Amino acid sequence: MEVRKINTTSYLRQNYPEFRSFLGAYIGAREDESKDGVSIRFTMEEPIKPVEAAIQEGKACLNDPNFPWESITNEANIGFENEQETKEWLKHTIDLMEKTFQERINNEKTK
C-alpha cells in the first residue's frame, strides 16, 4: 500500500483555518510572552465564534490521522522535535483554552 504524502501547510489551511490563524497570528507571532499567556489572551479577547472554532478545529486536528505536526511547528514558531511532542503541547493548549473559555462564558453570564 502506497502512502501518499500530503502538503501539510495546505492541509492545515484548508481543514483547520481558524486553528491555523490562532497558531500563526497569536502563538507564532508573540515571542515576547509565554505560549500559555498568549492562548489565554486569545481566548479571553477575541470574539466568541472564532475562539470556539479554533478550539473545535484544534481538537479535530489533534485526532486527525494525517496530523500535520510539521506545519503546526512552523505556524506556532516552536521547535517541536516530533509528532508526539507536538500533540502533547497541543493537548495542553486546547485544555487551557477550553478552561479559559468556560470561565469567560460563566463571567459573561453573571454580568
Protein backbone atom coordinates (compact mmCIF):
# COMPACT_ATOMS: atom_id res chain seq x y z
CA MET A 1 0.00 0.00 0.00
CA GLU A 2 1.38 3.36 -1.03
CA VAL A 3 1.26 6.18 1.50
CA ARG A 4 0.53 9.49 -0.13
CA LYS A 5 2.49 12.44 1.22
CA ILE A 6 0.27 15.45 1.76
CA ASN A 7 1.25 19.10 1.76
CA THR A 8 0.67 19.72 5.46
CA THR A 9 0.70 23.52 5.18
CA SER A 10 -2.16 23.46 2.67
CA TYR A 11 -3.84 20.72 4.66
CA LEU A 12 -3.77 22.79 7.83
CA ARG A 13 -5.02 25.88 5.99
CA GLN A 14 -7.84 24.04 4.21
CA ASN A 15 -9.07 21.86 7.06
CA TYR A 16 -8.42 23.99 10.15
CA PRO A 17 -8.47 27.67 9.10
CA GLU A 18 -9.37 29.20 12.49
CA PHE A 19 -6.91 26.98 14.32
CA ARG A 20 -4.20 27.86 11.80
CA SER A 21 -4.96 31.57 12.24
CA PHE A 22 -4.65 31.19 16.01
CA LEU A 23 -1.29 29.45 15.61
CA GLY A 24 0.13 31.97 13.16
CA ALA A 25 -1.34 35.23 14.40
CA TYR A 26 -1.08 34.56 18.12
CA ILE A 27 1.26 31.75 19.07
CA GLY A 28 3.84 32.20 16.31
CA ALA A 29 3.81 35.99 16.29
CA ARG A 30 4.10 36.66 20.02
CA GLU A 31 7.60 35.79 21.12
CA ASP A 32 7.61 38.28 23.98
CA GLU A 33 5.19 36.35 26.21
CA SER A 34 4.52 32.76 27.20
CA LYS A 35 2.57 30.50 24.88
CA ASP A 36 0.10 29.83 27.70
CA GLY A 37 -0.35 33.57 28.22
CA VAL A 38 -0.97 34.10 24.53
CA SER A 39 -3.53 31.28 24.47
CA ILE A 40 -5.38 32.73 27.45
CA ARG A 41 -5.38 36.24 25.96
CA PHE A 42 -6.70 34.96 22.61
CA THR A 43 -9.46 33.03 24.38
CA MET A 44 -10.49 36.00 26.53
CA GLU A 45 -10.20 38.82 23.97
CA GLU A 46 -11.23 37.50 20.58
CA PRO A 47 -14.89 37.21 19.50
CA ILE A 48 -16.60 34.06 20.74
CA LYS A 49 -17.19 32.38 17.36
CA PRO A 50 -13.53 32.34 16.20
CA VAL A 51 -12.44 31.15 19.65
CA GLU A 52 -14.97 28.31 19.60
CA ALA A 53 -13.92 27.41 16.07
CA ALA A 54 -10.21 27.42 16.93
CA ILE A 55 -10.82 25.12 19.91
CA GLN A 56 -13.01 22.71 17.92
CA GLU A 57 -10.62 22.67 14.97
CA GLY A 58 -7.65 22.16 17.29
CA LYS A 59 -9.39 19.13 18.82
CA ALA A 60 -10.19 17.72 15.39
CA CYS A 61 -6.62 18.31 14.25
CA LEU A 62 -5.29 16.51 17.32
CA ASN A 63 -7.27 13.42 16.32
CA ASP A 64 -6.57 13.66 12.59
CA PRO A 65 -4.81 10.56 11.19
CA ASN A 66 -2.83 12.96 8.96
CA PHE A 67 -1.78 15.07 11.97
CA PRO A 68 0.21 17.94 10.42
CA TRP A 69 2.77 18.31 13.20
CA GLU A 70 5.42 19.92 10.99
CA SER A 71 3.01 22.66 9.88
CA ILE A 72 1.97 23.25 13.48
CA THR A 73 5.65 23.57 14.37
CA ASN A 74 6.13 26.14 11.61
CA GLU A 75 2.95 28.13 12.28
CA ALA A 76 3.49 28.21 16.05
CA ASN A 77 7.18 29.01 15.65
CA ILE A 78 8.05 26.33 18.19
CA GLY A 79 10.80 23.80 17.52
CA PHE A 80 8.95 20.58 18.19
CA GLU A 81 11.11 17.52 17.58
CA ASN A 82 8.37 15.07 16.64
CA GLU A 83 4.66 14.35 16.37
CA GLN A 84 4.29 13.19 19.98
CA GLU A 85 5.85 16.35 21.40
CA THR A 86 3.58 18.47 19.18
CA LYS A 87 0.48 16.53 20.26
CA GLU A 88 1.35 16.92 23.95
CA TRP A 89 1.72 20.68 23.55
CA LEU A 90 -1.48 20.91 21.51
CA LYS A 91 -3.49 18.90 24.04
CA HIS A 92 -2.24 21.13 26.86
CA THR A 93 -3.06 24.26 24.85
CA ILE A 94 -6.57 23.10 23.94
CA ASP A 95 -7.29 22.09 27.54
CA LEU A 96 -6.13 25.53 28.71
CA MET A 97 -8.24 27.28 26.06
CA GLU A 98 -11.34 25.25 26.94
CA LYS A 99 -10.96 26.01 30.66
CA THR A 100 -10.39 29.71 29.97
CA PHE A 101 -13.29 29.85 27.54
CA GLN A 102 -15.65 28.28 30.06
CA GLU A 103 -14.56 30.85 32.65
CA ARG A 104 -15.20 33.61 30.12
CA ILE A 105 -18.70 32.33 29.35
CA ASN A 106 -19.51 31.96 33.07
CA ASN A 107 -18.27 35.51 33.76
CA GLU A 108 -20.32 36.93 30.91
CA LYS A 109 -23.45 35.17 32.21
CA THR A 110 -23.09 36.78 35.64
CA LYS A 111 -22.74 40.33 34.26
